[in-house]
Amino acid sequence: MTTGFRLYRGLEVYPLVYPHRATEPGYGHNYDDGFDAAVRIQEPQGATGVSRSRVFRLPADRPFQNAGDARRASTAYAERLIDTCPQDTTFLDQEC
């Protein structure tokens, strides 16, 4: 599952939320086991139409109880990554 993006400090932040346990063939989604989350951070498209992005998986000891909690945690994690990256470092080129 994915929702719209949020613009934060000039970067697009896309929360990525998905069920903790994969759906088995022939069965419905299994949301009872909670949700895992990641976040995609992307530069806005420039005049060339090309933008770079990276996906970061949230470090979590256990699944989130619901999709809303996972989405909020994804956004907060992206903001923390962006805020702690040194000014002279290009965020998408190397690990901050």
PDB file of N, CA and C in Angstrom:
ATOM      1  N   MET A   1       0.845  -1.166   0.000  1.00  0.00           N
ATOM      2  CA  MET A   1       0.000   0.000   0.000  1.00  0.00           C
ATOM      3  C   MET A   1       0.890   1.228   0.000  1.00  0.00           C
ATOM      4  N   THR A   2       0.459   2.229  -0.638  1.00  0.00           N
ATOM      5  CA  THR A   2       1.173   3.498  -0.608  1.00  0.00           C
ATOM      6  C   THR A   2       0.168   4.635  -0.700  1.00  0.00           C
ATOM      7  N   THR A   3       0.508   5.720  -0.080  1.00  0.00           N
ATOM      8  CA  THR A   3      -0.358   6.893  -0.157  1.00  0.00           C
ATOM      9  C   THR A   3       0.412   7.989  -0.860  1.00  0.00           C
ATOM     10  N   GLY A   4      -0.192   9.143  -0.963  1.00  0.00           N
ATOM     11  CA  GLY A   4       0.462  10.267  -1.604  1.00  0.00           C
ATOM     12  C   GLY A   4       1.753  10.644  -0.902  1.00  0.00           C
ATOM     13  N   PHE A   5       2.443  11.601  -1.499  1.00  0.00           N
ATOM     14  CA  PHE A   5       3.710  12.000  -0.926  1.00  0.00           C
ATOM     15  C   PHE A   5       3.569  13.302  -0.154  1.00  0.00           C
ATOM     16  N   ARG A   6       4.594  13.579   0.626  1.00  0.00           N
ATOM     17  CA  ARG A   6       4.689  14.814   1.391  1.00  0.00           C
ATOM     18  C   ARG A   6       5.996  15.478   0.996  1.00  0.00           C
ATOM     19  N   LEU A   7       5.990  16.770   0.811  1.00  0.00           N
ATOM     20  CA  LEU A   7       7.201  17.510   0.485  1.00  0.00           C
ATOM     21  C   LEU A   7       7.835  17.980   1.794  1.00  0.00           C
ATOM     22  N   TYR A   8       9.100  17.610   2.002  1.00  0.00           N
ATOM     23  CA  TYR A   8       9.813  17.997   3.224  1.00  0.00           C
ATOM     24  C   TYR A   8      11.212  18.456   2.852  1.00  0.00           C
ATOM     25  N   ARG A   9      11.504  19.710   3.127  1.00  0.00           N
ATOM     26  CA  ARG A   9      12.803  20.307   2.822  1.00  0.00           C
ATOM     27  C   ARG A   9      13.229  20.081   1.369  1.00  0.00           C
ATOM     28  N   GLY A  10      12.288  20.201   0.472  1.00  0.00           N
ATOM     29  CA  GLY A  10      12.577  20.085  -0.953  1.00  0.00           C
ATOM     30  C   GLY A  10      12.642  18.664  -1.482  1.00  0.00           C
ATOM     31  N   LEU A  11      12.364  17.668  -0.642  1.00  0.00           N
ATOM     32  CA  LEU A  11      12.374  16.270  -1.075  1.00  0.00           C
ATOM     33  C   LEU A  11      10.980  15.674  -0.919  1.00  0.00           C
ATOM     34  N   GLU A  12      10.623  14.785  -1.827  1.00  0.00           N
ATOM     35  CA  GLU A  12       9.343  14.095  -1.745  1.00  0.00           C
ATOM     36  C   GLU A  12       9.495  12.865  -0.858  1.00  0.00           C
ATOM     37  N   VAL A  13       8.582  12.708   0.089  1.00  0.00           N
ATOM     38  CA  VAL A  13       8.612  11.596   1.036  1.00  0.00           C
ATOM     39  C   VAL A  13       7.377  10.732   0.780  1.00  0.00           C
ATOM     40  N   TYR A  14       7.605   9.468   0.415  1.00  0.00           N
ATOM     41  CA  TYR A  14       6.529   8.520   0.144  1.00  0.00           C
ATOM     42  C   TYR A  14       6.549   7.412   1.190  1.00  0.00           C
ATOM     43  N   PRO A  15       5.581   7.374   2.119  1.00  0.00           N
ATOM     44  CA  PRO A  15       5.513   6.257   3.054  1.00  0.00           C
ATOM     45  C   PRO A  15       5.085   4.989   2.316  1.00  0.00           C
ATOM     46  N   LEU A  16       5.740   3.886   2.609  1.00  0.00           N
ATOM     47  CA  LEU A  16       5.417   2.597   1.995  1.00  0.00           C
ATOM     48  C   LEU A  16       5.033   1.636   3.111  1.00  0.00           C
ATOM     49  N   VAL A  17       3.803   1.185   3.102  1.00  0.00           N
ATOM     50  CA  VAL A  17       3.269   0.331   4.160  1.00  0.00           C
ATOM     51  C   VAL A  17       2.755  -0.950   3.530  1.00  0.00           C
ATOM     52  N   TYR A  18       3.094  -2.074   4.136  1.00  0.00           N
ATOM     53  CA  TYR A  18       2.676  -3.357   3.582  1.00  0.00           C
ATOM     54  C   TYR A  18       2.472  -4.361   4.711  1.00  0.00           C
ATOM     55  N   PRO A  19       1.627  -5.381   4.488  1.00  0.00           N
ATOM     56  CA  PRO A  19       1.365  -6.371   5.527  1.00  0.00           C
ATOM     57  C   PRO A  19       2.651  -7.092   5.945  1.00  0.00           C
ATOM     58  N   HIS A  20       2.764  -7.382   7.228  1.00  0.00           N
ATOM     59  CA  HIS A  20       3.948  -8.061   7.757  1.00  0.00           C
ATOM     60  C   HIS A  20       4.091  -9.464   7.158  1.00  0.00           C
ATOM     61  N   ARG A  21       2.992 -10.137   7.008  1.00  0.00           N
ATOM     62  CA  ARG A  21       3.011 -11.476   6.423  1.00  0.00           C
ATOM     63  C   ARG A  21       2.451 -11.404   5.006  1.00  0.00           C
ATOM     64  N   ALA A  22       3.173 -11.966   4.071  1.00  0.00           N
ATOM     65  CA  ALA A  22       2.751 -11.945   2.667  1.00  0.00           C
ATOM     66  C   ALA A  22       1.426 -12.692   2.496  1.00  0.00           C
ATOM     67  N   THR A  23       0.646 -12.223   1.540  1.00  0.00           N
ATOM     68  CA  THR A  23      -0.625 -12.870   1.232  1.00  0.00           C
ATOM     69  C   THR A  23      -0.356 -14.179   0.497  1.00  0.00           C
ATOM     70  N   GLU A  24      -0.949 -15.246   0.979  1.00  0.00           N
ATOM     71  CA  GLU A  24      -0.779 -16.546   0.342  1.00  0.00           C
ATOM     72  C   GLU A  24      -1.756 -16.667  -0.830  1.00  0.00           C
ATOM     73  N   PRO A  25      -1.348 -17.370  -1.872  1.00  0.00           N
ATOM     74  CA  PRO A  25      -2.239 -17.546  -3.023  1.00  0.00           C
ATOM     75  C   PRO A  25      -3.574 -18.161  -2.605  1.00  0.00           C
ATOM     76  N   GLY A  26      -4.659 -17.572  -3.082  1.00  0.00           N
ATOM     77  CA  GLY A  26      -5.980 -18.092  -2.788  1.00  0.00           C
ATOM     78  C   GLY A  26      -6.586 -17.569  -1.499  1.00  0.00           C
ATOM     79  N   TYR A  27      -5.873 -16.730  -0.766  1.00  0.00           N
ATOM     80  CA  TYR A  27      -6.370 -16.189   0.502  1.00  0.00           C
ATOM     81  C   TYR A  27      -6.421 -14.668   0.420  1.00  0.00           C
ATOM     82  N   GLY A  28      -7.198 -14.078   1.297  1.00  0.00           N
ATOM     83  CA  GLY A  28      -7.277 -12.621   1.372  1.00  0.00           C
ATOM     84  C   GLY A  28      -6.068 -12.064   2.112  1.00  0.00           C
ATOM     85  N   HIS A  29      -6.004 -10.757   2.191  1.00  0.00           N
ATOM     86  CA  HIS A  29      -4.906 -10.104   2.902  1.00  0.00           C
ATOM     87  C   HIS A  29      -4.921 -10.485   4.375  1.00  0.00           C
ATOM     88  N   ASN A  30      -3.755 -10.627   4.951  1.00  0.00           N
ATOM     89  CA  ASN A  30      -3.635 -10.963   6.359  1.00  0.00           C
ATOM     90  C   ASN A  30      -3.120  -9.730   7.107  1.00  0.00           C
ATOM     91  N   TYR A  31      -4.041  -8.946   7.643  1.00  0.00           N
ATOM     92  CA  TYR A  31      -3.661  -7.740   8.368  1.00  0.00           C
ATOM     93  C   TYR A  31      -3.548  -7.984   9.872  1.00  0.00           C
ATOM     94  N   ASP A  32      -3.927  -9.160  10.323  1.00  0.00           N
ATOM     95  CA  ASP A  32      -3.889  -9.460  11.755  1.00  0.00           C
ATOM     96  C   ASP A  32      -2.471  -9.494  12.309  1.00  0.00           C
ATOM     97  N   ASP A  33      -1.490  -9.798  11.469  1.00  0.00           N
ATOM     98  CA  ASP A  33      -0.107  -9.876  11.925  1.00  0.00           C
ATOM     99  C   ASP A  33       0.591  -8.522  11.915  1.00  0.00           C
ATOM    100  N   GLY A  34      -0.120  -7.464  11.569  1.00  0.00           N
ATOM    101  CA  GLY A  34       0.442  -6.123  11.593  1.00  0.00           C
ATOM    102  C   GLY A  34       1.059  -5.716  10.266  1.00  0.00           C
ATOM    103  N   PHE A  35       1.814  -4.626  10.307  1.00  0.00           N
ATOM    104  CA  PHE A  35       2.356  -4.017   9.092  1.00  0.00           C
ATOM    105  C   PHE A  35       3.835  -3.683   9.252  1.00  0.00           C
ATOM    106  N   ASP A  36       4.551  -3.755   8.154  1.00  0.00           N
ATOM    107  CA  ASP A  36       5.933  -3.297   8.081  1.00  0.00           C
ATOM    108  C   ASP A  36       5.926  -2.007   7.272  1.00  0.00           C
ATOM    109  N   ALA A  37       7.029  -1.262   7.358  1.00  0.00           N
ATOM    110  CA  ALA A  37       7.064   0.023   6.676  1.00  0.00           C
ATOM    111  C   ALA A  37       8.447   0.333   6.131  1.00  0.00           C
ATOM    112  N   ALA A  38       8.434   1.122   5.090  1.00  0.00           N
ATOM    113  CA  ALA A  38       9.648   1.664   4.485  1.00  0.00           C
ATOM    114  C   ALA A  38       9.271   3.070   4.017  1.00  0.00           C
ATOM    115  N   VAL A  39      10.254   3.784   3.514  1.00  0.00           N
ATOM    116  CA  VAL A  39       9.976   5.121   3.003  1.00  0.00           C
ATOM    117  C   VAL A  39      10.855   5.373   1.784  1.00  0.00           C
ATOM    118  N   ARG A  40      10.263   5.967   0.752  1.00  0.00           N
ATOM    119  CA  ARG A  40      11.028   6.362  -0.428  1.00  0.00           C
ATOM    120  C   ARG A  40      11.203   7.867  -0.370  1.00  0.00           C
ATOM    121  N   ILE A  41      12.452   8.315  -0.475  1.00  0.00           N
ATOM    122  CA  ILE A  41      12.770   9.737  -0.499  1.00  0.00           C
ATOM    123  C   ILE A  41      13.268  10.050  -1.900  1.00  0.00           C
ATOM    124  N   GLN A  42      12.650  11.028  -2.525  1.00  0.00           N
ATOM    125  CA  GLN A  42      12.916  11.305  -3.937  1.00  0.00           C
ATOM    126  C   GLN A  42      13.075  12.806  -4.161  1.00  0.00           C
ATOM    127  N   GLU A  43      13.989  13.140  -5.070  1.00  0.00           N
ATOM    128  CA  GLU A  43      14.110  14.529  -5.515  1.00  0.00           C
ATOM    129  C   GLU A  43      12.926  14.836  -6.428  1.00  0.00           C
ATOM    130  N   PRO A  44      12.419  16.054  -6.396  1.00  0.00           N
ATOM    131  CA  PRO A  44      11.377  16.422  -7.367  1.00  0.00           C
ATOM    132  C   PRO A  44      11.961  16.380  -8.779  1.00  0.00           C
ATOM    133  N   GLN A  45      11.134  16.093  -9.752  1.00  0.00           N
ATOM    134  CA  GLN A  45      11.608  16.048 -11.139  1.00  0.00           C
ATOM    135  C   GLN A  45      12.046  17.430 -11.579  1.00  0.00           C
ATOM    136  N   GLY A  46      13.215  17.479 -12.170  1.00  0.00           N
ATOM    137  CA  GLY A  46      13.737  18.735 -12.690  1.00  0.00           C
ATOM    138  C   GLY A  46      13.307  18.949 -14.125  1.00  0.00           C
ATOM    139  N   ALA A  47      13.931  19.901 -14.762  1.00  0.00           N
ATOM    140  CA  ALA A  47      13.608  20.217 -16.154  1.00  0.00           C
ATOM    141  C   ALA A  47      13.929  19.053 -17.081  1.00  0.00           C
ATOM    142  N   THR A  48      14.888  18.213 -16.682  1.00  0.00           N
ATOM    143  CA  THR A  48      15.267  17.065 -17.510  1.00  0.00           C
ATOM    144  C   THR A  48      14.287  15.906 -17.374  1.00  0.00           C
ATOM    145  N   GLY A  49      13.400  15.977 -16.368  1.00  0.00           N
ATOM    146  CA  GLY A  49      12.441  14.903 -16.147  1.00  0.00           C
ATOM    147  C   GLY A  49      13.021  13.719 -15.396  1.00  0.00           C
ATOM    148  N   VAL A  50      14.251  13.854 -14.911  1.00  0.00           N
ATOM    149  CA  VAL A  50      14.919  12.771 -14.190  1.00  0.00           C
ATOM    150  C   VAL A  50      15.013  13.134 -12.714  1.00  0.00           C
ATOM    151  N   SER A  51      14.714  12.192 -11.847  1.00  0.00           N
ATOM    152  CA  SER A  51      14.883  12.418 -10.419  1.00  0.00           C
ATOM    153  C   SER A  51      15.461  11.159  -9.789  1.00  0.00           C
ATOM    154  N   ARG A  52      16.218  11.342  -8.735  1.00  0.00           N
ATOM    155  CA  ARG A  52      16.813  10.210  -8.024  1.00  0.00           C
ATOM    156  C   ARG A  52      15.984   9.925  -6.782  1.00  0.00           C
ATOM    157  N   SER A  53      16.033   8.660  -6.341  1.00  0.00           N
ATOM    158  CA  SER A  53      15.327   8.302  -5.116  1.00  0.00           C
ATOM    159  C   SER A  53      16.038   7.141  -4.436  1.00  0.00           C
ATOM    160  N   ARG A  54      15.736   6.974  -3.161  1.00  0.00           N
ATOM    161  CA  ARG A  54      16.232   5.833  -2.385  1.00  0.00           C
ATOM    162  C   ARG A  54      15.115   5.356  -1.483  1.00  0.00           C
ATOM    163  N   VAL A  55      15.129   4.061  -1.199  1.00  0.00           N
ATOM    164  CA  VAL A  55      14.152   3.473  -0.289  1.00  0.00           C
ATOM    165  C   VAL A  55      14.887   3.031   0.964  1.00  0.00           C
ATOM    166  N   PHE A  56      14.314   3.372   2.118  1.00  0.00           N
ATOM    167  CA  PHE A  56      14.874   2.994   3.408  1.00  0.00           C
ATOM    168  C   PHE A  56      13.826   2.200   4.179  1.00  0.00           C
ATOM    169  N   ARG A  57      14.199   1.038   4.636  1.00  0.00           N
ATOM    170  CA  ARG A  57      13.293   0.232   5.458  1.00  0.00           C
ATOM    171  C   ARG A  57      13.405   0.704   6.897  1.00  0.00           C
ATOM    172  N   LEU A  58      12.280   0.828   7.570  1.00  0.00           N
ATOM    173  CA  LEU A  58      12.296   1.264   8.957  1.00  0.00           C
ATOM    174  C   LEU A  58      12.830   0.154   9.846  1.00  0.00           C
ATOM    175  N   PRO A  59      13.763   0.488  10.718  1.00  0.00           N
ATOM    176  CA  PRO A  59      14.242  -0.515  11.675  1.00  0.00           C
ATOM    177  C   PRO A  59      13.198  -0.664  12.784  1.00  0.00           C
ATOM    178  N   ALA A  60      12.552  -1.799  12.841  1.00  0.00           N
ATOM    179  CA  ALA A  60      11.517  -2.032  13.857  1.00  0.00           C
ATOM    180  C   ALA A  60      11.692  -3.421  14.447  1.00  0.00           C
ATOM    181  N   ASP A  61      11.507  -3.512  15.745  1.00  0.00           N
ATOM    182  CA  ASP A  61      11.628  -4.800  16.437  1.00  0.00           C
ATOM    183  C   ASP A  61      10.427  -5.699  16.185  1.00  0.00           C
ATOM    184  N   ARG A  62       9.288  -5.087  15.929  1.00  0.00           N
ATOM    185  CA  ARG A  62       8.061  -5.853  15.699  1.00  0.00           C
ATOM    186  C   ARG A  62       7.171  -5.087  14.734  1.00  0.00           C
ATOM    187  N   PRO A  63       6.198  -5.744  14.152  1.00  0.00           N
ATOM    188  CA  PRO A  63       5.306  -5.073  13.194  1.00  0.00           C
ATOM    189  C   PRO A  63       4.473  -3.986  13.877  1.00  0.00           C
ATOM    190  N   PHE A  64       4.053  -3.014  13.083  1.00  0.00           N
ATOM    191  CA  PHE A  64       3.147  -1.975  13.580  1.00  0.00           C
ATOM    192  C   PHE A  64       1.750  -2.565  13.685  1.00  0.00           C
ATOM    193  N   GLN A  65       0.979  -2.099  14.656  1.00  0.00           N
ATOM    194  CA  GLN A  65      -0.370  -2.618  14.879  1.00  0.00           C
ATOM    195  C   GLN A  65      -1.326  -2.291  13.738  1.00  0.00           C
ATOM    196  N   ASN A  66      -1.176  -1.094  13.153  1.00  0.00           N
ATOM    197  CA  ASN A  66      -2.087  -0.714  12.068  1.00  0.00           C
ATOM    198  C   ASN A  66      -1.340   0.107  11.024  1.00  0.00           C
ATOM    199  N   ALA A  67      -1.973   0.273   9.885  1.00  0.00           N
ATOM    200  CA  ALA A  67      -1.342   0.969   8.761  1.00  0.00           C
ATOM    201  C   ALA A  67      -1.094   2.441   9.068  1.00  0.00           C
ATOM    202  N   GLY A  68      -1.959   3.065   9.838  1.00  0.00           N
ATOM    203  CA  GLY A  68      -1.779   4.469  10.193  1.00  0.00           C
ATOM    204  C   GLY A  68      -0.510   4.697  11.003  1.00  0.00           C
ATOM    205  N   ASP A  69      -0.272   3.828  11.987  1.00  0.00           N
ATOM    206  CA  ASP A  69       0.955   3.936  12.786  1.00  0.00           C
ATOM    207  C   ASP A  69       2.190   3.748  11.910  1.00  0.00           C
ATOM    208  N   ALA A  70       2.130   2.795  10.998  1.00  0.00           N
ATOM    209  CA  ALA A  70       3.266   2.534  10.106  1.00  0.00           C
ATOM    210  C   ALA A  70       3.516   3.722   9.183  1.00  0.00           C
ATOM    211  N   ARG A  71       2.459   4.335   8.687  1.00  0.00           N
ATOM    212  CA  ARG A  71       2.590   5.488   7.795  1.00  0.00           C
ATOM    213  C   ARG A  71       3.199   6.684   8.538  1.00  0.00           C
ATOM    214  N   ARG A  72       2.725   6.943   9.745  1.00  0.00           N
ATOM    215  CA  ARG A  72       3.273   8.050  10.540  1.00  0.00           C
ATOM    216  C   ARG A  72       4.732   7.806  10.897  1.00  0.00           C
ATOM    217  N   ALA A  73       5.071   6.573  11.233  1.00  0.00           N
ATOM    218  CA  ALA A  73       6.462   6.239  11.555  1.00  0.00           C
ATOM    219  C   ALA A  73       7.360   6.403  10.333  1.00  0.00           C
ATOM    220  N   SER A  74       6.863   6.056   9.153  1.00  0.00           N
ATOM    221  CA  SER A  74       7.629   6.221   7.917  1.00  0.00           C
ATOM    222  C   SER A  74       7.964   7.689   7.671  1.00  0.00           C
ATOM    223  N   THR A  75       6.971   8.537   7.825  1.00  0.00           N
ATOM    224  CA  THR A  75       7.170   9.964   7.608  1.00  0.00           C
ATOM    225  C   THR A  75       8.150  10.535   8.627  1.00  0.00           C
ATOM    226  N   ALA A  76       7.995  10.166   9.882  1.00  0.00           N
ATOM    227  CA  ALA A  76       8.896  10.658  10.933  1.00  0.00           C
ATOM    228  C   ALA A  76      10.327  10.171  10.699  1.00  0.00           C
ATOM    229  N   TYR A  77      10.478   8.931  10.265  1.00  0.00           N
ATOM    230  CA  TYR A  77      11.807   8.374   9.991  1.00  0.00           C
ATOM    231  C   TYR A  77      12.484   9.130   8.847  1.00  0.00           C
ATOM    232  N   ALA A  78      11.737   9.428   7.793  1.00  0.00           N
ATOM    233  CA  ALA A  78      12.288  10.182   6.662  1.00  0.00           C
ATOM    234  C   ALA A  78      12.721  11.572   7.104  1.00  0.00           C
ATOM    235  N   GLU A  79      11.903  12.230   7.891  1.00  0.00           N
ATOM    236  CA  GLU A  79      12.255  13.563   8.374  1.00  0.00           C
ATOM    237  C   GLU A  79      13.520  13.520   9.221  1.00  0.00           C
ATOM    238  N   ARG A  80      13.642  12.502  10.051  1.00  0.00           N
ATOM    239  CA  ARG A  80      14.839  12.342  10.894  1.00  0.00           C
ATOM    240  C   ARG A  80      16.078  12.101  10.023  1.00  0.00           C
ATOM    241  N   LEU A  81      15.950  11.260   8.992  1.00  0.00           N
ATOM    242  CA  LEU A  81      17.072  11.018   8.086  1.00  0.00           C
ATOM    243  C   LEU A  81      17.502  12.303   7.379  1.00  0.00           C
ATOM    244  N   ILE A  82      16.533  13.037   6.897  1.00  0.00           N
ATOM    245  CA  ILE A  82      16.824  14.275   6.173  1.00  0.00           C
ATOM    246  C   ILE A  82      17.443  15.312   7.110  1.00  0.00           C
ATOM    247  N   ASP A  83      16.903  15.440   8.315  1.00  0.00           N
ATOM    248  CA  ASP A  83      17.394  16.441   9.266  1.00  0.00           C
ATOM    249  C   ASP A  83      18.799  16.147   9.771  1.00  0.00           C
ATOM    250  N   THR A  84      19.168  14.881   9.879  1.00  0.00           N
ATOM    251  CA  THR A  84      20.478  14.539  10.438  1.00  0.00           C
ATOM    252  C   THR A  84      21.569  14.413   9.393  1.00  0.00           C
ATOM    253  N   CYS A  85      21.225  14.535   8.130  1.00  0.00           N
ATOM    254  CA  CYS A  85      22.224  14.462   7.068  1.00  0.00           C
ATOM    255  C   CYS A  85      22.981  15.791   7.015  1.00  0.00           C
ATOM    256  N   PRO A  86      24.312  15.759   7.014  1.00  0.00           N
ATOM    257  CA  PRO A  86      25.083  17.009   6.958  1.00  0.00           C
ATOM    258  C   PRO A  86      24.743  17.824   5.707  1.00  0.00           C
ATOM    259  N   GLN A  87      24.795  19.132   5.842  1.00  0.00           N
ATOM    260  CA  GLN A  87      24.436  20.055   4.754  1.00  0.00           C
ATOM    261  C   GLN A  87      25.260  19.831   3.497  1.00  0.00           C
ATOM    262  N   ASP A  88      26.542  19.513   3.647  1.00  0.00           N
ATOM    263  CA  ASP A  88      27.424  19.390   2.484  1.00  0.00           C
ATOM    264  C   ASP A  88      27.375  18.009   1.835  1.00  0.00           C
ATOM    265  N   THR A  89      26.510  17.134   2.332  1.00  0.00           N
ATOM    266  CA  THR A  89      26.373  15.785   1.793  1.00  0.00           C
ATOM    267  C   THR A  89      25.115  15.698   0.939  1.00  0.00           C
ATOM    268  N   THR A  90      25.219  15.101  -0.221  1.00  0.00           N
ATOM    269  CA  THR A  90      24.043  14.850  -1.040  1.00  0.00           C
ATOM    270  C   THR A  90      23.332  13.627  -0.478  1.00  0.00           C
ATOM    271  N   PHE A  91      22.145  13.821   0.000  1.00  0.00           N
ATOM    272  CA  PHE A  91      21.404  12.801   0.721  1.00  0.00           C
ATOM    273  C   PHE A  91      21.248  11.500  -0.073  1.00  0.00           C
ATOM    274  N   LEU A  92      20.995  11.605  -1.354  1.00  0.00           N
ATOM    275  CA  LEU A  92      20.699  10.412  -2.151  1.00  0.00           C
ATOM    276  C   LEU A  92      21.956   9.710  -2.670  1.00  0.00           C
ATOM    277  N   ASP A  93      23.115  10.309  -2.522  1.00  0.00           N
ATOM    278  CA  ASP A  93      24.345   9.690  -3.006  1.00  0.00           C
ATOM    279  C   ASP A  93      24.999   8.763  -1.998  1.00  0.00           C
ATOM    280  N   GLN A  94      24.858   9.055  -0.725  1.00  0.00           N
ATOM    281  CA  GLN A  94      25.524   8.231   0.280  1.00  0.00           C
ATOM    282  C   GLN A  94      24.699   8.175   1.554  1.00  0.00           C
ATOM    283  N   GLU A  95      25.043   7.239   2.393  1.00  0.00           N
ATOM    284  CA  GLU A  95      24.362   7.035   3.666  1.00  0.00           C
ATOM    285  C   GLU A  95      24.683   8.183   4.601  1.00  0.00           C
ATOM    286  N   CYS A  96      23.672   8.780   5.177  1.00  0.00           N
ATOM    287  CA  CYS A  96      23.877   9.864   6.135  1.00  0.00           C
ATOM    288  C   CYS A  96      23.775   9.340   7.542  1.00  0.00           C
TER     289      CYS A  96
END
